C-alpha cells in the first residue's frame, strides 16, 4: 500500500493549538485515512505516535458506510498507541463539483448551520469519547470546502469545537497554502486572456478586411452596372437622334418634290 509520508503541515497545525508553554515542542504525524496504515510495516517502523484522519462533519449521523472506516481507523489507532487528530470537512461526496453554481445545493457543497454542526460534533464525541484532538474544519480556504470565502463560519465552527472538545486540542485554523497555486492560476488565466484577446482582434481584423474587400467588389459591380446603363442611354439617344435626322431629311426631300411639281 502507498501511504503519504511525513506531513510537516500536521505539525504546524498542531503547534497552532497547543498551550503557549508547550509551543517549543515539535510534533510529527502521518496523515492517512486508511486504517490499514497501522498494520503496514512502513508505518510501524517509523514509530510515529500521531496521525491525522479526515472525516465528514456529519459522519456520526449520515448513516452511510463512512462511519465503518472511522470506527476501524480509531480502533486501530488506539490499539497501536497512536493519538489521532480528527479533521472534519464537507459532507461525503465529490466536492470538486462545488465550483459550479448549479451544484451548490448538493450535500457536499452546503455549509452547515452552527446548530447542525454542534449537534453532529456532540454525536461524534458520544461515539468516540477517546478522541481529544480535532480540526474544526479542513482546509477552510479551499474551494472544495463550503467554508471557502466564509471565514466567519470557519471561526464559529472553531469556537463550537473548543466547547464540545473542552480540555482537548483544537486547531485554530487549517489553511491550505495555495498562494503559489493561485499565482500560477492567475498567470495562466492572464496568458489565456491575452491569447484570447489576440485571436479575437485577429478575427475582427480579418472580418473588416473581408468586409472592405466585399464592399469594394460591390462598388465595382455597381459602377459597372451604372456604366452599362449610361452606355445604353447613349446608344439609345444616338439611335433616336439618327432616326430623327433621317425623318427630317425625308420631310425636306418630300417638300422639295411638292414644290417642283407646282
C-alpha atoms as a PDB file:
ATOM      1  CA  UNK A   1       0.000   0.000   0.000  1.00  0.00           C
ATOM      2  CA  UNK A   2       1.055   3.515  -0.714  1.00  0.00           C
ATOM      3  CA  UNK A   3       0.648   5.968   2.121  1.00  0.00           C
ATOM      4  CA  UNK A   4       1.526   9.611   2.295  1.00  0.00           C
ATOM      5  CA  UNK A   5       4.803  10.231   4.085  1.00  0.00           C
ATOM      6  CA  UNK A   6       5.553  12.659   6.882  1.00  0.00           C
ATOM      7  CA  UNK A   7       3.475  15.818   6.760  1.00  0.00           C
ATOM      8  CA  UNK A   8       5.015  18.936   8.246  1.00  0.00           C
ATOM      9  CA  UNK A   9       1.645  20.614   7.755  1.00  0.00           C
ATOM     10  CA  UNK A  10       0.204  18.461  10.510  1.00  0.00           C
ATOM     11  CA  UNK A  11       2.946  19.596  12.848  1.00  0.00           C
ATOM     12  CA  UNK A  12       2.377  23.221  12.023  1.00  0.00           C
ATOM     13  CA  UNK A  13      -1.339  22.861  12.650  1.00  0.00           C
ATOM     14  CA  UNK A  14      -0.769  21.145  15.970  1.00  0.00           C
ATOM     15  CA  UNK A  15       1.538  23.937  17.102  1.00  0.00           C
ATOM     16  CA  UNK A  16      -1.219  26.461  16.455  1.00  0.00           C
ATOM     17  CA  UNK A  17      -3.443  24.790  19.012  1.00  0.00           C
ATOM     18  CA  UNK A  18      -1.173  23.698  21.865  1.00  0.00           C
ATOM     19  CA  UNK A  19      -0.832  25.826  25.014  1.00  0.00           C
ATOM     20  CA  UNK A  20       1.769  28.590  24.956  1.00  0.00           C
ATOM     21  CA  UNK A  21       4.003  26.811  27.431  1.00  0.00           C
ATOM     22  CA  UNK A  22       4.296  23.805  25.155  1.00  0.00           C
ATOM     23  CA  UNK A  23       4.930  25.616  21.884  1.00  0.00           C
ATOM     24  CA  UNK A  24       8.578  24.625  21.974  1.00  0.00           C
ATOM     25  CA  UNK A  25       7.605  21.028  21.193  1.00  0.00           C
ATOM     26  CA  UNK A  26       7.632  19.850  17.598  1.00  0.00           C
ATOM     27  CA  UNK A  27       5.215  17.097  16.677  1.00  0.00           C
ATOM     28  CA  UNK A  28       5.378  14.952  13.549  1.00  0.00           C
ATOM     29  CA  UNK A  29       2.482  12.792  12.442  1.00  0.00           C
ATOM     30  CA  UNK A  30       1.178  10.837   9.475  1.00  0.00           C
ATOM     31  CA  UNK A  31      -1.878  11.989   7.516  1.00  0.00           C
ATOM     32  CA  UNK A  32      -3.719   8.969   6.150  1.00  0.00           C
ATOM     33  CA  UNK A  33      -7.387   7.959   6.063  1.00  0.00           C
ATOM     34  CA  UNK A  34      -6.950   4.225   5.513  1.00  0.00           C
ATOM     35  CA  UNK A  35      -6.995   2.207   8.771  1.00  0.00           C
ATOM     36  CA  UNK A  36      -4.720  -0.421   7.159  1.00  0.00           C
ATOM     37  CA  UNK A  37      -1.876   2.025   7.681  1.00  0.00           C
ATOM     38  CA  UNK A  38      -1.491   0.901  11.291  1.00  0.00           C
ATOM     39  CA  UNK A  39      -0.582  -2.630  10.237  1.00  0.00           C
ATOM     40  CA  UNK A  40       1.731  -1.584   7.426  1.00  0.00           C
ATOM     41  CA  UNK A  41       5.426  -2.283   8.206  1.00  0.00           C
ATOM     42  CA  UNK A  42       6.451   1.052   6.690  1.00  0.00           C
ATOM     43  CA  UNK A  43       4.352   2.794   9.321  1.00  0.00           C
ATOM     44  CA  UNK A  44       5.176   0.608  12.289  1.00  0.00           C
ATOM     45  CA  UNK A  45       8.910   1.004  11.650  1.00  0.00           C
ATOM     46  CA  UNK A  46       8.600   4.771  11.929  1.00  0.00           C
ATOM     47  CA  UNK A  47       7.354   4.611  15.471  1.00  0.00           C
ATOM     48  CA  UNK A  48       5.054   7.577  14.850  1.00  0.00           C
ATOM     49  CA  UNK A  49       2.636   8.297  17.674  1.00  0.00           C
ATOM     50  CA  UNK A  50       0.426  10.845  15.974  1.00  0.00           C
ATOM     51  CA  UNK A  51      -1.822  10.555  12.925  1.00  0.00           C
ATOM     52  CA  UNK A  52      -4.408  12.597  11.132  1.00  0.00           C
ATOM     53  CA  UNK A  53      -7.691  11.396   9.634  1.00  0.00           C
ATOM     54  CA  UNK A  54     -10.252  13.415   7.683  1.00  0.00           C
ATOM     55  CA  UNK A  55     -13.974  12.694   8.162  1.00  0.00           C
ATOM     56  CA  UNK A  56     -17.238  14.276   7.106  1.00  0.00           C
ATOM     57  CA  UNK A  57     -18.604  16.774   9.599  1.00  0.00           C
ATOM     58  CA  UNK A  58     -21.829  14.718   9.813  1.00  0.00           C
ATOM     59  CA  UNK A  59     -20.257  11.253   9.749  1.00  0.00           C
ATOM     60  CA  UNK A  60     -21.872  10.340  13.082  1.00  0.00           C
ATOM     61  CA  UNK A  61     -25.403  10.877  11.775  1.00  0.00           C
ATOM     62  CA  UNK A  62     -25.140  10.465   7.987  1.00  0.00           C
ATOM     63  CA  UNK A  63     -25.940   6.724   8.095  1.00  0.00           C
ATOM     64  CA  UNK A  64     -23.543   5.666   5.362  1.00  0.00           C
ATOM     65  CA  UNK A  65     -20.558   3.342   5.298  1.00  0.00           C
ATOM     66  CA  UNK A  66     -18.044   6.084   6.062  1.00  0.00           C
ATOM     67  CA  UNK A  67     -18.675   5.506   9.740  1.00  0.00           C
ATOM     68  CA  UNK A  68     -17.287   1.969   9.403  1.00  0.00           C
ATOM     69  CA  UNK A  69     -13.965   3.346   8.173  1.00  0.00           C
ATOM     70  CA  UNK A  70     -13.831   5.806  11.039  1.00  0.00           C
ATOM     71  CA  UNK A  71     -14.606   3.100  13.608  1.00  0.00           C
ATOM     72  CA  UNK A  72     -11.882   0.856  12.192  1.00  0.00           C
ATOM     73  CA  UNK A  73      -9.396   3.700  11.983  1.00  0.00           C
ATOM     74  CA  UNK A  74      -9.831   4.957  15.535  1.00  0.00           C
ATOM     75  CA  UNK A  75      -9.853   1.429  16.952  1.00  0.00           C
ATOM     76  CA  UNK A  76      -6.600   0.618  15.111  1.00  0.00           C
ATOM     77  CA  UNK A  77      -5.045   3.889  16.239  1.00  0.00           C
ATOM     78  CA  UNK A  78      -5.893   3.166  19.861  1.00  0.00           C
ATOM     79  CA  UNK A  79      -4.549  -0.385  19.581  1.00  0.00           C
ATOM     80  CA  UNK A  80      -1.305   0.959  18.102  1.00  0.00           C
ATOM     81  CA  UNK A  81      -0.870   3.615  20.752  1.00  0.00           C
ATOM     82  CA  UNK A  82      -1.291   6.366  18.173  1.00  0.00           C
ATOM     83  CA  UNK A  83      -3.064   9.620  19.034  1.00  0.00           C
ATOM     84  CA  UNK A  84      -5.343  10.663  16.144  1.00  0.00           C
ATOM     85  CA  UNK A  85      -6.078  14.185  15.054  1.00  0.00           C
ATOM     86  CA  UNK A  86      -9.609  14.063  13.648  1.00  0.00           C
ATOM     87  CA  UNK A  87     -10.281  16.649  10.946  1.00  0.00           C
ATOM     88  CA  UNK A  88     -13.843  17.487   9.950  1.00  0.00           C
ATOM     89  CA  UNK A  89     -14.729  18.617   6.437  1.00  0.00           C
ATOM     90  CA  UNK A  90     -17.566  18.783   3.897  1.00  0.00           C
ATOM     91  CA  UNK A  91     -20.223  16.083   3.743  1.00  0.00           C
ATOM     92  CA  UNK A  92     -19.307  12.940   1.874  1.00  0.00           C
ATOM     93  CA  UNK A  93     -19.125  13.269  -1.903  1.00  0.00           C
ATOM     94  CA  UNK A  94     -17.040  14.707  -4.712  1.00  0.00           C
ATOM     95  CA  UNK A  95     -16.593  18.330  -3.707  1.00  0.00           C
ATOM     96  CA  UNK A  96     -14.691  19.344  -6.840  1.00  0.00           C
ATOM     97  CA  UNK A  97     -18.099  19.926  -8.428  1.00  0.00           C
ATOM     98  CA  UNK A  98     -18.810  22.730  -5.981  1.00  0.00           C
ATOM     99  CA  UNK A  99     -17.236  25.369  -8.238  1.00  0.00           C
ATOM    100  CA  UNK A 100     -20.370  25.259 -10.376  1.00  0.00           C
ATOM    101  CA  UNK A 101     -23.238  27.302  -9.007  1.00  0.00           C
ATOM    102  CA  UNK A 102     -25.733  24.643 -10.080  1.00  0.00           C
ATOM    103  CA  UNK A 103     -24.164  22.197  -7.594  1.00  0.00           C
ATOM    104  CA  UNK A 104     -24.175  24.476  -4.552  1.00  0.00           C
ATOM    105  CA  UNK A 105     -27.239  22.762  -3.098  1.00  0.00           C
ATOM    106  CA  UNK A 106     -25.652  19.324  -3.075  1.00  0.00           C
ATOM    107  CA  UNK A 107     -24.824  17.964   0.382  1.00  0.00           C
ATOM    108  CA  UNK A 108     -21.043  18.128  -0.035  1.00  0.00           C
ATOM    109  CA  UNK A 109     -21.268  21.758  -1.142  1.00  0.00           C
ATOM    110  CA  UNK A 110     -23.602  23.080   1.556  1.00  0.00           C
ATOM    111  CA  UNK A 111     -22.351  24.874   4.638  1.00  0.00           C
ATOM    112  CA  UNK A 112     -23.998  23.503   7.768  1.00  0.00           C
ATOM    113  CA  UNK A 113     -25.599  25.806  10.260  1.00  0.00           C
ATOM    114  CA  UNK A 114     -23.825  26.325  13.572  1.00  0.00           C
ATOM    115  CA  UNK A 115     -26.598  24.396  15.305  1.00  0.00           C
ATOM    116  CA  UNK A 116     -26.319  21.401  12.966  1.00  0.00           C
ATOM    117  CA  UNK A 117     -22.530  21.440  13.219  1.00  0.00           C
ATOM    118  CA  UNK A 118     -22.569  21.393  17.032  1.00  0.00           C
ATOM    119  CA  UNK A 119     -25.199  18.641  17.106  1.00  0.00           C
ATOM    120  CA  UNK A 120     -23.062  16.432  14.873  1.00  0.00           C
ATOM    121  CA  UNK A 121     -19.853  17.109  16.782  1.00  0.00           C
ATOM    122  CA  UNK A 122     -21.550  16.096  20.015  1.00  0.00           C
ATOM    123  CA  UNK A 123     -22.835  12.941  18.337  1.00  0.00           C
ATOM    124  CA  UNK A 124     -19.299  12.173  17.179  1.00  0.00           C
ATOM    125  CA  UNK A 125     -17.872  12.710  20.647  1.00  0.00           C
ATOM    126  CA  UNK A 126     -20.524  10.413  22.116  1.00  0.00           C
ATOM    127  CA  UNK A 127     -19.476   7.662  19.687  1.00  0.00           C
ATOM    128  CA  UNK A 128     -15.742   8.236  20.154  1.00  0.00           C
ATOM    129  CA  UNK A 129     -15.150   9.626  23.657  1.00  0.00           C
ATOM    130  CA  UNK A 130     -11.398   8.938  23.469  1.00  0.00           C
ATOM    131  CA  UNK A 131     -10.876  11.478  20.667  1.00  0.00           C
ATOM    132  CA  UNK A 132      -9.416  14.656  22.130  1.00  0.00           C
ATOM    133  CA  UNK A 133      -7.623  16.341  19.241  1.00  0.00           C
ATOM    134  CA  UNK A 134      -9.647  17.800  16.380  1.00  0.00           C
ATOM    135  CA  UNK A 135      -9.513  20.239  13.491  1.00  0.00           C
ATOM    136  CA  UNK A 136     -12.802  22.136  13.355  1.00  0.00           C
ATOM    137  CA  UNK A 137     -12.739  22.272   9.560  1.00  0.00           C
ATOM    138  CA  UNK A 138     -10.313  21.017   6.926  1.00  0.00           C
ATOM    139  CA  UNK A 139      -8.530  23.469   4.604  1.00  0.00           C
ATOM    140  CA  UNK A 140     -11.074  26.215   5.144  1.00  0.00           C
ATOM    141  CA  UNK A 141      -9.790  28.325   2.236  1.00  0.00           C
ATOM    142  CA  UNK A 142     -10.017  25.632  -0.446  1.00  0.00           C
ATOM    143  CA  UNK A 143     -12.839  25.812  -2.980  1.00  0.00           C
ATOM    144  CA  UNK A 144     -13.909  22.219  -2.220  1.00  0.00           C
ATOM    145  CA  UNK A 145     -14.916  23.292   1.278  1.00  0.00           C
ATOM    146  CA  UNK A 146     -18.145  25.219   1.958  1.00  0.00           C
ATOM    147  CA  UNK A 147     -16.143  27.467   4.286  1.00  0.00           C
ATOM    148  CA  UNK A 148     -14.396  28.805   1.180  1.00  0.00           C
ATOM    149  CA  UNK A 149     -14.739  32.601   1.274  1.00  0.00           C
ATOM    150  CA  UNK A 150     -16.635  32.326   4.571  1.00  0.00           C
ATOM    151  CA  UNK A 151     -14.044  32.774   7.333  1.00  0.00           C
ATOM    152  CA  UNK A 152     -16.703  33.834   9.832  1.00  0.00           C
ATOM    153  CA  UNK A 153     -18.348  30.415   9.594  1.00  0.00           C
ATOM    154  CA  UNK A 154     -14.970  28.713   9.995  1.00  0.00           C
ATOM    155  CA  UNK A 155     -14.226  30.788  13.091  1.00  0.00           C
ATOM    156  CA  UNK A 156     -17.643  29.936  14.518  1.00  0.00           C
ATOM    157  CA  UNK A 157     -17.013  26.224  13.953  1.00  0.00           C
ATOM    158  CA  UNK A 158     -13.699  26.511  15.794  1.00  0.00           C
ATOM    159  CA  UNK A 159     -15.457  28.073  18.787  1.00  0.00           C
ATOM    160  CA  UNK A 160     -18.008  25.258  18.788  1.00  0.00           C
ATOM    161  CA  UNK A 161     -15.304  22.590  18.558  1.00  0.00           C
ATOM    162  CA  UNK A 162     -13.491  24.123  21.533  1.00  0.00           C
ATOM    163  CA  UNK A 163     -16.701  23.957  23.531  1.00  0.00           C
ATOM    164  CA  UNK A 164     -17.527  20.359  22.561  1.00  0.00           C
ATOM    165  CA  UNK A 165     -13.973  19.048  22.973  1.00  0.00           C
ATOM    166  CA  UNK A 166     -13.175  21.078  26.044  1.00  0.00           C
ATOM    167  CA  UNK A 167      -9.837  20.045  27.539  1.00  0.00           C
ATOM    168  CA  UNK A 168      -8.604  18.646  24.250  1.00  0.00           C
ATOM    169  CA  UNK A 169      -6.612  20.212  21.419  1.00  0.00           C
ATOM    170  CA  UNK A 170      -8.471  22.146  18.738  1.00  0.00           C
ATOM    171  CA  UNK A 171      -6.557  23.511  15.780  1.00  0.00           C
ATOM    172  CA  UNK A 172      -7.271  27.204  15.434  1.00  0.00           C
ATOM    173  CA  UNK A 173      -7.277  27.216  11.622  1.00  0.00           C
ATOM    174  CA  UNK A 174      -6.409  24.638   8.984  1.00  0.00           C
ATOM    175  CA  UNK A 175      -5.372  26.723   5.986  1.00  0.00           C
ATOM    176  CA  UNK A 176      -4.064  25.334   2.724  1.00  0.00           C
ATOM    177  CA  UNK A 177      -1.019  27.176   1.414  1.00  0.00           C
ATOM    178  CA  UNK A 178      -2.198  27.780  -2.113  1.00  0.00           C
ATOM    179  CA  UNK A 179      -0.508  31.109  -2.795  1.00  0.00           C
ATOM    180  CA  UNK A 180       1.719  29.576  -5.461  1.00  0.00           C
ATOM    181  CA  UNK A 181      -1.224  27.718  -6.956  1.00  0.00           C
ATOM    182  CA  UNK A 182      -3.227  30.932  -7.078  1.00  0.00           C
ATOM    183  CA  UNK A 183      -0.324  32.787  -8.672  1.00  0.00           C
ATOM    184  CA  UNK A 184       0.058  30.073 -11.283  1.00  0.00           C
ATOM    185  CA  UNK A 185      -3.660  30.176 -11.923  1.00  0.00           C
ATOM    186  CA  UNK A 186      -3.663  33.942 -12.335  1.00  0.00           C
ATOM    187  CA  UNK A 187      -0.648  33.790 -14.634  1.00  0.00           C
ATOM    188  CA  UNK A 188      -2.217  31.065 -16.722  1.00  0.00           C
ATOM    189  CA  UNK A 189      -5.556  32.896 -16.810  1.00  0.00           C
ATOM    190  CA  UNK A 190      -3.795  36.122 -17.766  1.00  0.00           C
ATOM    191  CA  UNK A 191      -1.952  34.364 -20.564  1.00  0.00           C
ATOM    192  CA  UNK A 192      -5.164  32.730 -21.706  1.00  0.00           C
ATOM    193  CA  UNK A 193      -6.984  36.059 -21.706  1.00  0.00           C
ATOM    194  CA  UNK A 194      -4.153  37.702 -23.631  1.00  0.00           C
ATOM    195  CA  UNK A 195      -4.183  34.930 -26.222  1.00  0.00           C
ATOM    196  CA  UNK A 196      -7.971  35.111 -26.450  1.00  0.00           C
ATOM    197  CA  UNK A 197      -7.766  38.869 -26.958  1.00  0.00           C
ATOM    198  CA  UNK A 198      -5.092  38.473 -29.629  1.00  0.00           C
ATOM    199  CA  UNK A 199      -7.118  35.887 -31.520  1.00  0.00           C
ATOM    200  CA  UNK A 200     -10.266  37.969 -31.183  1.00  0.00           C
ATOM    201  CA  UNK A 201      -8.518  41.020 -32.594  1.00  0.00           C
ATOM    202  CA  UNK A 202      -7.158  38.927 -35.461  1.00  0.00           C
ATOM    203  CA  UNK A 203     -10.648  37.647 -36.259  1.00  0.00           C
ATOM    204  CA  UNK A 204     -12.025  41.196 -36.197  1.00  0.00           C
ATOM    205  CA  UNK A 205      -9.199  42.421 -38.449  1.00  0.00           C
ATOM    206  CA  UNK A 206      -9.878  39.683 -40.962  1.00  0.00           C
ATOM    207  CA  UNK A 207     -13.591  40.381 -40.827  1.00  0.00           C
ATOM    208  CA  UNK A 208     -13.004  44.068 -41.517  1.00  0.00           C
ATOM    209  CA  UNK A 209     -10.691  43.229 -44.410  1.00  0.00           C
ATOM    210  CA  UNK A 210     -13.260  40.846 -45.823  1.00  0.00           C
ATOM    211  CA  UNK A 211     -15.954  43.457 -45.404  1.00  0.00           C
ATOM    212  CA  UNK A 212     -13.831  46.058 -47.180  1.00  0.00           C
ATOM    213  CA  UNK A 213     -12.966  43.611 -49.960  1.00  0.00           C
ATOM    214  CA  UNK A 214     -16.598  42.635 -50.343  1.00  0.00           C
ATOM    215  CA  UNK A 215     -17.655  46.275 -50.283  1.00  0.00           C
ATOM    216  CA  UNK A 216     -15.056  47.026 -52.934  1.00  0.00           C
ATOM    217  CA  UNK A 217     -16.396  44.257 -55.126  1.00  0.00           C
ATOM    218  CA  UNK A 218     -19.928  45.559 -54.645  1.00  0.00           C
ATOM    219  CA  UNK A 219     -18.814  49.075 -55.534  1.00  0.00           C
ATOM    220  CA  UNK A 220     -17.081  47.847 -58.699  1.00  0.00           C
ATOM    221  CA  UNK A 221     -20.159  45.870 -59.683  1.00  0.00           C
ATOM    222  CA  UNK A 222     -22.410  48.890 -59.163  1.00  0.00           C
ATOM    223  CA  UNK A 223     -20.083  51.104 -61.189  1.00  0.00           C
ATOM    224  CA  UNK A 224     -20.068  48.539 -63.969  1.00  0.00           C
ATOM    225  CA  UNK A 225     -23.862  48.411 -63.979  1.00  0.00           C
ATOM    226  CA  UNK A 226     -24.112  52.204 -63.976  1.00  0.00           C
ATOM    227  CA  UNK A 227     -21.681  52.363 -66.881  1.00  0.00           C
ATOM    228  CA  UNK A 228     -23.740  49.814 -68.792  1.00  0.00           C
ATOM    229  CA  UNK A 229     -26.862  51.863 -68.215  1.00  0.00           C
ATOM    230  CA  UNK A 230     -25.122  55.053 -69.314  1.00  0.00           C
ATOM    231  CA  UNK A 231     -23.802  53.305 -72.414  1.00  0.00           C
ATOM    232  CA  UNK A 232     -27.263  52.039 -73.193  1.00  0.00           C
ATOM    233  CA  UNK A 233     -28.703  55.517 -72.716  1.00  0.00           C
ATOM    234  CA  UNK A 234     -26.045  56.969 -75.003  1.00  0.00           C
ATOM    235  CA  UNK A 235     -26.674  54.300 -77.595  1.00  0.00           C
ATOM    236  CA  UNK A 236     -30.403  54.835 -77.320  1.00  0.00           C
ATOM    237  CA  UNK A 237     -30.005  58.584 -77.655  1.00  0.00           C
ATOM    238  CA  UNK A 238     -27.814  58.134 -80.715  1.00  0.00           C
ATOM    239  CA  UNK A 239     -30.367  55.852 -82.339  1.00  0.00           C
ATOM    240  CA  UNK A 240     -33.186  58.281 -81.601  1.00  0.00           C
ATOM    241  CA  UNK A 241     -31.110  61.174 -82.913  1.00  0.00           C
ATOM    242  CA  UNK A 242     -30.265  59.235 -86.049  1.00  0.00           C
ATOM    243  CA  UNK A 243     -33.902  58.332 -86.573  1.00  0.00           C
ATOM    244  CA  UNK A 244     -34.899  61.969 -86.065  1.00  0.00           C
ATOM    245  CA  UNK A 245     -32.307  63.152 -88.557  1.00  0.00           C
ATOM    246  CA  UNK A 246     -33.496  60.630 -91.121  1.00  0.00           C
ATOM    247  CA  UNK A 247     -37.090  61.742 -90.590  1.00  0.00           C
ATOM    248  CA  UNK A 248     -36.223  65.424 -91.021  1.00  0.00           C
ATOM    249  CA  UNK A 249     -34.220  64.638 -94.141  1.00  0.00           C
ATOM    250  CA  UNK A 250     -37.155  62.689 -95.590  1.00  0.00           C
ATOM    251  CA  UNK A 251     -39.510  65.601 -94.853  1.00  0.00           C
ATOM    252  CA  UNK A 252     -37.216  68.075 -96.597  1.00  0.00           C
ATOM    253  CA  UNK A 253     -36.991  65.838 -99.645  1.00  0.00           C
ATOM    254  CA  UNK A 254     -40.769  65.499 -99.724  1.00  0.00           C
ATOM    255  CA  UNK A 255     -41.203  69.297 -99.567  1.00  0.00           C
ATOM    256  CA  UNK A 256     -38.783  69.775-102.437  1.00  0.00           C
ATOM    257  CA  UNK A 257     -40.673  67.289-104.583  1.00  0.00           C
ATOM    258  CA  UNK A 258     -44.017  69.030-103.918  1.00  0.00           C
ATOM    259  CA  UNK A 259     -42.527  72.422-104.808  1.00  0.00           C
ATOM    260  CA  UNK A 260     -41.121  71.160-108.096  1.00  0.00           C
ATOM    261  CA  UNK A 261     -44.453  69.665-109.104  1.00  0.00           C
ATOM    262  CA  UNK A 262     -46.146  73.044-108.747  1.00  0.00           C
END
